[in-house]
C-alpha cells in the first residue's frame, strides 16, 4: 500500500489530522471526480438524459457492492443513508404480541428506538442479550435466549461508541440454527475491514457510504439474502418497487430493489461505486490490517499516558478508540484536539442506550484512524492528550 500516493489523492490530509473516519471519512480525488463529472453532465444535457447515458456505470454499483461483501447484485438495494436502509428491512417485518426481538448492549440508538416503537405498537418484547466478560455480546446467552417466540436477532457489528467488534459469525450460526432472521448493522465495519455475508451468516445487512468506505454522505445500501425475502413485506410501495397489474393490484419488483424508491442522486451513487472500487483495488485485507493496527497502536499509546483511560470492549477490537482524560471534560478534550488540527468526535449517551445503562461512561472522546493516516498523526493526537493530562 503506497500511503503517500493515497494521501496525495486525498485532499483533506493536507489540512487536518482526520481521526473521525467513524463519522465521515475523507473523499479521494477519484471519488470527487466521479461525482462532479456526473453533475457537470446533468447540467450540460439534463438529469434524466445523464442518467440514461450513464446507466451501465450506475447499474455496476450493485455488482461492485457484492464484490465487496458477497452475495448477488439482485440482493442489493441502494439508499440515501444506512438508517433508511435499516428501516426498510426492519419495518418490513411483522410482529405480534409475545414476539421477541433479541439485540445487544452495543446496539445503535436509532435501532433501539425502532425496537421500542414496535414493542409499544404491537406488544412484542425487546430482549437485551448480556455481554460476556470481555464486553462483547455473550453468544452462549444468545443461544439460551432464542426460542420459538424469537422473531428477529438484530445486532450492531461495531458500535458507534467504541472499538468492540461483536462476534457476528457466531451470532449468525446460532440464528441460522434456530431459523431466526438475523439483521446486521454493519455501518461501522464496512470499509474498515473485510465483511463477507456468507461467512457472517446474516440475512440482512445495512451499511453507509460515508464512513470507512470513504464514499459521499447521502449514500447507503441494504443487502437481503434472497431467501429472506419471504420474511419481509416492504412497508412502502411505489413505482420503483412494484408494478401495477393493470387492474387493482401490483407485484413486487424482483429481488431487493423492491425496497428502493425511484428518485435518487446518481452523482452520489457513482461516488459510492467509485469508493467501493477503490477499496477493492487497494484490497480489503490490507485495509483491514492497517486500519485495525493503527487503532491498536493508538489505543496502546493512549493507555501509556498517565491520566488517560481508554474504554474499548471486546475480545476483538477495531480502529475506533474511545478515551477520557482525568479531570478534563470530554468536550474540552475534543476542543483542544480541534485547536491542534485534529478531527475527532464524542460519543453520546443516548446513541447507545443499553451500553449507557450498563456502563455510564459516556461521553467519551472517539478517535477513529483509517488506512491513510500515519503514525505521526497518531502521535500528534496522543501529545495533546498528554498535555491535557499533565495539567
Protein backbone atom coordinates (compact mmCIF):
# COMPACT_ATOMS: atom_id res chain seq x y z
CA UNK A 1 0.00 0.00 0.00
CA UNK A 2 1.51 3.30 -1.14
CA UNK A 3 0.39 5.54 1.71
CA UNK A 4 1.96 8.68 0.30
CA UNK A 5 0.22 8.21 -3.04
CA UNK A 6 -3.08 7.55 -1.29
CA UNK A 7 -2.63 10.70 0.79
CA UNK A 8 -1.85 12.75 -2.31
CA UNK A 9 -5.15 11.51 -3.73
CA UNK A 10 -6.93 12.57 -0.51
CA UNK A 11 -7.05 16.39 -0.36
CA UNK A 12 -8.15 16.57 3.26
CA UNK A 13 -4.94 15.03 4.57
CA UNK A 14 -3.12 18.27 3.70
CA UNK A 15 -5.35 20.31 6.01
CA UNK A 16 -6.13 18.26 9.09
CA UNK A 17 -5.28 15.13 11.04
CA UNK A 18 -8.52 13.33 10.30
CA UNK A 19 -9.29 10.85 13.09
CA UNK A 20 -13.05 10.94 12.57
CA UNK A 21 -13.46 8.21 9.97
CA UNK A 22 -16.19 6.57 12.06
CA UNK A 23 -18.12 9.79 11.42
CA UNK A 24 -17.29 10.59 7.81
CA UNK A 25 -14.02 9.66 6.11
CA UNK A 26 -12.15 11.86 3.65
CA UNK A 27 -13.12 11.55 0.00
CA UNK A 28 -10.49 10.75 -2.60
CA UNK A 29 -10.00 12.90 -5.68
CA UNK A 30 -11.12 9.91 -7.71
CA UNK A 31 -14.48 9.79 -5.95
CA UNK A 32 -14.84 13.56 -6.20
CA UNK A 33 -14.29 13.33 -9.95
CA UNK A 34 -16.90 10.61 -10.36
CA UNK A 35 -19.46 12.83 -8.64
CA UNK A 36 -18.60 16.20 -10.13
CA UNK A 37 -18.31 14.85 -13.67
CA UNK A 38 -21.83 13.47 -13.41
CA UNK A 39 -23.13 16.76 -12.02
CA UNK A 40 -21.48 18.55 -14.93
CA UNK A 41 -23.15 16.10 -17.32
CA UNK A 42 -26.54 16.72 -15.72
CA UNK A 43 -26.01 20.45 -16.08
CA UNK A 44 -25.00 20.05 -19.73
CA UNK A 45 -27.64 17.67 -21.07
CA UNK A 46 -30.28 17.21 -18.32
CA UNK A 47 -30.75 14.95 -15.32
CA UNK A 48 -32.81 12.21 -16.99
CA UNK A 49 -30.57 12.23 -20.03
CA UNK A 50 -27.40 12.00 -17.93
CA UNK A 51 -28.82 9.03 -16.03
CA UNK A 52 -29.66 7.33 -19.31
CA UNK A 53 -26.18 7.89 -20.71
CA UNK A 54 -24.51 6.60 -17.54
CA UNK A 55 -26.93 3.72 -16.91
CA UNK A 56 -24.30 0.98 -17.23
CA UNK A 57 -21.99 2.68 -14.70
CA UNK A 58 -24.90 3.30 -12.34
CA UNK A 59 -26.04 -0.32 -12.55
CA UNK A 60 -22.47 -1.51 -11.96
CA UNK A 61 -22.79 -0.16 -8.41
CA UNK A 62 -24.83 -3.20 -7.41
CA UNK A 63 -22.18 -5.57 -8.70
CA UNK A 64 -19.44 -3.57 -7.00
CA UNK A 65 -21.21 -3.80 -3.64
CA UNK A 66 -21.47 -7.57 -3.95
CA UNK A 67 -17.79 -7.78 -4.87
CA UNK A 68 -17.20 -6.04 -1.55
CA UNK A 69 -19.49 -8.08 0.72
CA UNK A 70 -20.51 -11.16 -1.25
CA UNK A 71 -23.96 -12.20 -2.37
CA UNK A 72 -25.59 -11.30 -5.70
CA UNK A 73 -26.34 -7.95 -7.32
CA UNK A 74 -30.10 -8.56 -7.18
CA UNK A 75 -29.79 -8.83 -3.37
CA UNK A 76 -28.68 -5.17 -3.06
CA UNK A 77 -30.85 -2.06 -2.68
CA UNK A 78 -29.40 1.46 -2.66
CA UNK A 79 -30.46 4.14 -0.20
CA UNK A 80 -29.60 7.68 0.81
CA UNK A 81 -28.31 6.54 4.21
CA UNK A 82 -27.90 3.45 6.34
CA UNK A 83 -30.77 4.33 8.69
CA UNK A 84 -33.26 4.29 5.82
CA UNK A 85 -31.73 1.02 4.64
CA UNK A 86 -32.05 -0.49 8.11
CA UNK A 87 -35.62 0.80 8.50
CA UNK A 88 -36.56 -0.70 5.13
CA UNK A 89 -35.55 -4.12 6.41
CA UNK A 90 -36.83 -3.89 9.97
CA UNK A 91 -40.19 -2.27 9.31
CA UNK A 92 -40.88 -4.78 6.55
CA UNK A 93 -41.15 -7.48 9.19
CA UNK A 94 -44.34 -8.23 11.10
CA UNK A 95 -44.54 -8.57 14.86
CA UNK A 96 -47.30 -9.71 17.18
CA UNK A 97 -47.88 -9.73 20.94
CA UNK A 98 -45.37 -12.03 22.60
CA UNK A 99 -42.85 -11.95 19.74
CA UNK A 100 -39.30 -11.29 20.86
CA UNK A 101 -36.61 -9.08 19.35
CA UNK A 102 -33.14 -10.02 20.61
CA UNK A 103 -30.40 -7.41 20.48
CA UNK A 104 -27.15 -6.49 22.20
CA UNK A 105 -25.96 -3.84 24.62
CA UNK A 106 -23.94 -2.18 21.86
CA UNK A 107 -26.95 -1.62 19.60
CA UNK A 108 -27.17 1.73 17.81
CA UNK A 109 -29.59 4.28 19.21
CA UNK A 110 -31.86 4.60 16.16
CA UNK A 111 -32.26 0.83 16.01
CA UNK A 112 -33.16 0.72 19.69
CA UNK A 113 -35.81 3.39 19.24
CA UNK A 114 -37.30 1.38 16.37
CA UNK A 115 -37.41 -1.76 18.53
CA UNK A 116 -39.11 0.16 21.32
CA UNK A 117 -41.64 1.68 18.94
CA UNK A 118 -42.61 -1.70 17.50
CA UNK A 119 -42.80 -3.16 21.01
CA UNK A 120 -45.16 -0.34 22.01
CA UNK A 121 -47.21 -0.70 18.84
CA UNK A 122 -47.51 -4.50 18.66
CA UNK A 123 -46.87 -5.92 22.13
CA UNK A 124 -43.60 -7.51 21.07
CA UNK A 125 -40.80 -7.74 23.63
CA UNK A 126 -37.28 -6.35 23.33
CA UNK A 127 -34.73 -8.65 24.98
CA UNK A 128 -31.20 -7.34 25.54
CA UNK A 129 -28.61 -10.12 25.44
CA UNK A 130 -25.96 -9.54 28.13
CA UNK A 131 -22.27 -9.07 27.40
CA UNK A 132 -19.69 -11.68 28.29
CA UNK A 133 -16.69 -10.91 30.49
CA UNK A 134 -14.87 -9.22 27.60
CA UNK A 135 -17.73 -6.85 26.86
CA UNK A 136 -18.88 -8.42 23.58
CA UNK A 137 -22.30 -9.98 23.07
CA UNK A 138 -22.47 -13.23 25.03
CA UNK A 139 -23.20 -15.84 22.35
CA UNK A 140 -23.90 -18.56 24.93
CA UNK A 141 -26.56 -16.35 26.47
CA UNK A 142 -27.96 -15.63 22.99
CA UNK A 143 -28.31 -19.36 22.30
CA UNK A 144 -30.19 -19.82 25.56
CA UNK A 145 -32.50 -16.84 24.95
CA UNK A 146 -33.57 -17.80 21.42
CA UNK A 147 -36.83 -19.70 21.47
CA UNK A 148 -39.91 -20.20 19.30
CA UNK A 149 -41.12 -16.70 20.18
CA UNK A 150 -37.99 -15.03 18.74
CA UNK A 151 -38.85 -13.13 15.58
CA UNK A 152 -35.55 -11.31 14.98
CA UNK A 153 -31.94 -11.08 16.09
CA UNK A 154 -30.70 -7.54 15.42
CA UNK A 155 -27.10 -6.62 16.25
CA UNK A 156 -24.62 -3.84 15.51
CA UNK A 157 -21.41 -5.40 14.21
CA UNK A 158 -19.32 -2.49 15.54
CA UNK A 159 -20.95 0.04 17.89
CA UNK A 160 -20.83 3.77 17.28
CA UNK A 161 -19.38 4.27 20.76
CA UNK A 162 -16.24 2.11 20.85
CA UNK A 163 -13.80 -0.32 19.29
CA UNK A 164 -15.72 -3.52 20.03
CA UNK A 165 -16.24 -5.98 17.17
CA UNK A 166 -19.16 -8.23 18.01
CA UNK A 167 -18.83 -11.94 17.09
CA UNK A 168 -21.17 -11.66 14.11
CA UNK A 169 -20.27 -15.01 12.55
CA UNK A 170 -21.15 -16.91 15.72
CA UNK A 171 -24.34 -14.87 16.09
CA UNK A 172 -25.18 -15.83 12.51
CA UNK A 173 -24.53 -19.50 13.19
CA UNK A 174 -26.81 -19.50 16.22
CA UNK A 175 -29.56 -17.58 14.42
CA UNK A 176 -29.47 -19.88 11.38
CA UNK A 177 -29.63 -22.98 13.56
CA UNK A 178 -32.75 -21.58 15.22
CA UNK A 179 -34.31 -20.42 11.95
CA UNK A 180 -34.46 -16.81 13.12
CA UNK A 181 -33.74 -13.87 10.76
CA UNK A 182 -30.52 -12.01 11.56
CA UNK A 183 -30.28 -8.28 10.76
CA UNK A 184 -26.71 -6.98 10.98
CA UNK A 185 -25.98 -3.26 11.19
CA UNK A 186 -22.56 -3.07 9.52
CA UNK A 187 -22.43 0.72 9.37
CA UNK A 188 -19.09 0.95 11.18
CA UNK A 189 -17.49 -2.20 9.78
CA UNK A 190 -17.99 -1.92 6.01
CA UNK A 191 -14.85 -0.40 4.55
CA UNK A 192 -12.89 -0.77 7.78
CA UNK A 193 -12.10 -4.48 7.45
CA UNK A 194 -13.33 -7.38 5.29
CA UNK A 195 -17.01 -8.26 5.64
CA UNK A 196 -18.46 -11.33 3.91
CA UNK A 197 -22.18 -12.03 4.23
CA UNK A 198 -21.70 -15.75 3.65
CA UNK A 199 -19.16 -16.03 6.47
CA UNK A 200 -21.26 -13.92 8.84
CA UNK A 201 -24.48 -15.78 8.11
CA UNK A 202 -26.69 -12.72 8.26
CA UNK A 203 -29.99 -12.50 6.37
CA UNK A 204 -29.97 -8.72 6.06
CA UNK A 205 -27.06 -6.28 6.25
CA UNK A 206 -27.07 -2.49 6.17
CA UNK A 207 -24.24 -0.02 5.66
CA UNK A 208 -23.39 3.57 4.84
CA UNK A 209 -21.04 5.01 2.27
CA UNK A 210 -19.72 7.96 4.23
CA UNK A 211 -17.71 6.24 6.97
CA UNK A 212 -14.78 3.86 6.50
CA UNK A 213 -15.85 3.14 2.92
CA UNK A 214 -14.88 6.75 2.05
CA UNK A 215 -17.97 7.35 -0.08
CA UNK A 216 -20.09 10.51 -0.09
CA UNK A 217 -22.63 11.45 2.51
CA UNK A 218 -26.18 10.62 1.43
CA UNK A 219 -25.40 7.02 0.43
CA UNK A 220 -26.12 3.64 1.95
CA UNK A 221 -27.26 0.17 1.00
CA UNK A 222 -29.23 -2.85 2.13
CA UNK A 223 -28.29 -6.42 1.31
CA UNK A 224 -31.04 -9.06 1.67
CA UNK A 225 -30.43 -12.76 1.24
CA UNK A 226 -32.76 -13.96 -1.48
CA UNK A 227 -34.39 -16.50 0.82
CA UNK A 228 -35.03 -13.81 3.46
CA UNK A 229 -37.48 -12.00 1.21
CA UNK A 230 -40.09 -14.49 2.39
CA UNK A 231 -39.90 -12.85 5.83
CA UNK A 232 -40.35 -9.32 4.51
CA UNK A 233 -43.19 -7.21 3.12
CA UNK A 234 -41.86 -3.77 2.10
CA UNK A 235 -43.68 -1.13 4.10
CA UNK A 236 -43.64 1.35 1.20
CA UNK A 237 -44.81 0.63 -2.33
CA UNK A 238 -44.05 2.98 -5.21
CA UNK A 239 -43.25 2.92 -8.90
CA UNK A 240 -39.65 1.75 -8.40
CA UNK A 241 -40.57 -1.05 -6.05
CA UNK A 242 -43.69 -2.53 -7.62
CA UNK A 243 -45.51 -2.90 -10.94
CA UNK A 244 -49.21 -2.22 -11.42
CA UNK A 245 -51.04 -5.23 -12.85
CA UNK A 246 -53.45 -3.13 -14.95
CA UNK A 247 -56.35 -3.78 -12.60
CA UNK A 248 -56.37 -3.10 -8.86
CA UNK A 249 -53.27 -4.97 -7.83
CA UNK A 250 -49.47 -5.00 -8.17
CA UNK A 251 -46.47 -7.27 -7.99
CA UNK A 252 -43.24 -6.52 -6.17
CA UNK A 253 -40.10 -5.93 -8.15
CA UNK A 254 -37.85 -8.95 -8.20
CA UNK A 255 -35.09 -9.07 -5.58
CA UNK A 256 -34.00 -6.44 -3.10
CA UNK A 257 -34.73 -3.46 -5.33
CA UNK A 258 -38.35 -3.72 -4.22
CA UNK A 259 -37.15 -1.67 -1.22
CA UNK A 260 -35.87 1.25 -3.33
CA UNK A 261 -37.52 4.49 -4.36
CA UNK A 262 -37.47 5.88 -7.88
CA UNK A 263 -35.73 9.19 -7.19
CA UNK A 264 -32.05 9.02 -6.26
CA UNK A 265 -28.94 11.18 -6.51
CA UNK A 266 -26.98 9.46 -9.26
CA UNK A 267 -23.95 11.63 -8.58
CA UNK A 268 -23.90 10.15 -5.09
CA UNK A 269 -24.45 6.63 -6.40
CA UNK A 270 -21.49 6.99 -8.75
CA UNK A 271 -19.43 8.37 -5.87
CA UNK A 272 -20.33 5.33 -3.79
CA UNK A 273 -19.45 3.00 -6.64
CA UNK A 274 -16.08 4.74 -7.09
CA UNK A 275 -15.30 4.44 -3.37
CA UNK A 276 -16.14 0.72 -3.41
CA UNK A 277 -13.96 0.14 -6.47
CA UNK A 278 -11.06 1.97 -4.84
CA UNK A 279 -11.37 -0.09 -1.65
CA UNK A 280 -11.38 -3.28 -3.72
CA UNK A 281 -8.33 -2.20 -5.72
CA UNK A 282 -6.35 -1.37 -2.57
CA UNK A 283 -7.55 -4.63 -1.01
CA UNK A 284 -9.83 -5.01 1.99
CA UNK A 285 -7.41 -7.41 3.68
CA UNK A 286 -4.66 -4.79 3.55
CA UNK A 287 -7.05 -2.00 4.54
CA UNK A 288 -8.27 -4.01 7.49
CA UNK A 289 -4.83 -4.90 8.74
CA UNK A 290 -3.62 -1.31 8.57
CA UNK A 291 -6.76 0.35 9.97
CA UNK A 292 -7.14 -2.07 12.88
CA UNK A 293 -3.39 -1.94 13.50
CA UNK A 294 -3.46 1.85 13.72
CA UNK A 295 -6.36 1.62 16.16
CA UNK A 296 -4.42 -0.82 18.32
CA UNK A 297 -1.34 1.39 18.20
CA UNK A 298 -3.32 4.50 19.15
CA UNK A 299 -5.05 2.67 22.00
CA UNK A 300 -1.74 1.41 23.38
CA UNK A 301 -0.14 4.84 23.21
CA UNK A 302 -3.07 6.50 24.95
CA UNK A 303 -3.08 3.82 27.66
CA UNK A 304 0.59 4.62 28.29
CA UNK A 305 -0.20 8.26 29.13
CA UNK A 306 -0.77 8.81 32.90
CA UNK A 307 -4.23 10.23 33.49
CA UNK A 308 -5.69 8.91 30.23
CA UNK A 309 -8.03 5.89 30.12
CA UNK A 310 -9.41 4.03 27.10
CA UNK A 311 -12.79 2.30 27.23
CA UNK A 312 -13.00 -0.11 24.29
CA UNK A 313 -14.56 -3.51 24.96
CA UNK A 314 -14.41 -6.96 23.40
CA UNK A 315 -12.01 -9.73 22.51
CA UNK A 316 -11.63 -8.30 19.01
CA UNK A 317 -11.27 -4.55 18.64
CA UNK A 318 -11.02 -2.30 15.63
CA UNK A 319 -9.88 1.18 14.58
CA UNK A 320 -12.35 3.04 16.80
CA UNK A 321 -10.74 4.20 20.06
CA UNK A 322 -12.56 5.88 22.93
CA UNK A 323 -10.83 7.67 25.80
CA UNK A 324 -11.09 10.18 28.65
CA UNK A 325 -8.63 12.46 30.41
CA UNK A 326 -8.93 12.50 34.21
CA UNK A 327 -10.36 15.79 35.43
CA UNK A 328 -10.94 17.24 31.95
CA UNK A 329 -14.36 17.28 30.30
CA UNK A 330 -14.77 15.34 27.07
CA UNK A 331 -15.89 18.50 25.29
CA UNK A 332 -12.72 20.32 26.37
CA UNK A 333 -10.52 17.47 25.14
CA UNK A 334 -12.27 17.46 21.76
CA UNK A 335 -11.93 21.25 21.53
CA UNK A 336 -8.21 21.08 22.35
CA UNK A 337 -7.67 18.46 19.65
CA UNK A 338 -9.57 20.58 17.14
CA UNK A 339 -7.40 23.58 18.04
CA UNK A 340 -4.36 21.46 17.13
CA UNK A 341 -5.90 20.47 13.79
CA UNK A 342 -7.06 17.00 14.87
CA UNK A 343 -10.57 15.91 13.89
CA UNK A 344 -12.37 13.71 16.44
CA UNK A 345 -15.88 13.48 17.80
CA UNK A 346 -17.52 12.45 21.07
CA UNK A 347 -19.89 9.65 22.00
CA UNK A 348 -23.46 10.44 23.02
CA UNK A 349 -25.15 8.57 25.86
CA UNK A 350 -28.49 8.45 24.03
CA UNK A 351 -26.92 6.88 20.92
CA UNK A 352 -26.12 3.61 22.71
CA UNK A 353 -28.85 3.41 25.31
CA UNK A 354 -28.22 -0.12 26.59
CA UNK A 355 -24.47 0.43 26.84
CA UNK A 356 -25.15 3.64 28.77
CA UNK A 357 -27.39 1.73 31.19
CA UNK A 358 -24.62 -0.82 31.65
CA UNK A 359 -21.52 1.39 31.94
CA UNK A 360 -22.47 5.04 32.29
CA UNK A 361 -19.14 6.23 30.85
CA UNK A 362 -20.38 8.48 28.05
CA UNK A 363 -19.50 10.96 26.67
CA UNK A 364 -16.07 9.79 25.55
CA UNK A 365 -13.64 11.18 23.00
CA UNK A 366 -13.90 8.99 19.90
CA UNK A 367 -10.85 8.74 17.64
CA UNK A 368 -11.05 6.63 14.51
CA UNK A 369 -7.97 6.39 12.25
CA UNK A 370 -8.08 4.81 8.81
CA UNK A 371 -5.51 3.35 6.48
CA UNK A 372 -4.44 6.73 5.05
CA UNK A 373 -3.47 8.07 8.48
CA UNK A 374 0.16 7.94 9.66
CA UNK A 375 1.80 7.11 12.97
CA UNK A 376 3.00 10.72 13.17
CA UNK A 377 -0.62 11.84 13.08
CA UNK A 378 -1.48 9.47 15.92
CA UNK A 379 1.45 10.85 17.91
CA UNK A 380 0.11 14.37 17.40
CA UNK A 381 -3.21 13.39 18.96
CA UNK A 382 -1.53 11.50 21.83
CA UNK A 383 0.63 14.53 22.54
CA UNK A 384 -2.47 16.69 23.05
CA UNK A 385 -3.91 14.11 25.44
CA UNK A 386 -0.63 14.08 27.33
CA UNK A 387 -0.54 17.88 27.64
CA UNK A 388 -4.10 17.97 28.97
CA UNK A 389 -3.44 15.12 31.42
CA UNK A 390 -0.26 16.80 32.69
CA UNK A 391 -2.15 19.95 33.64
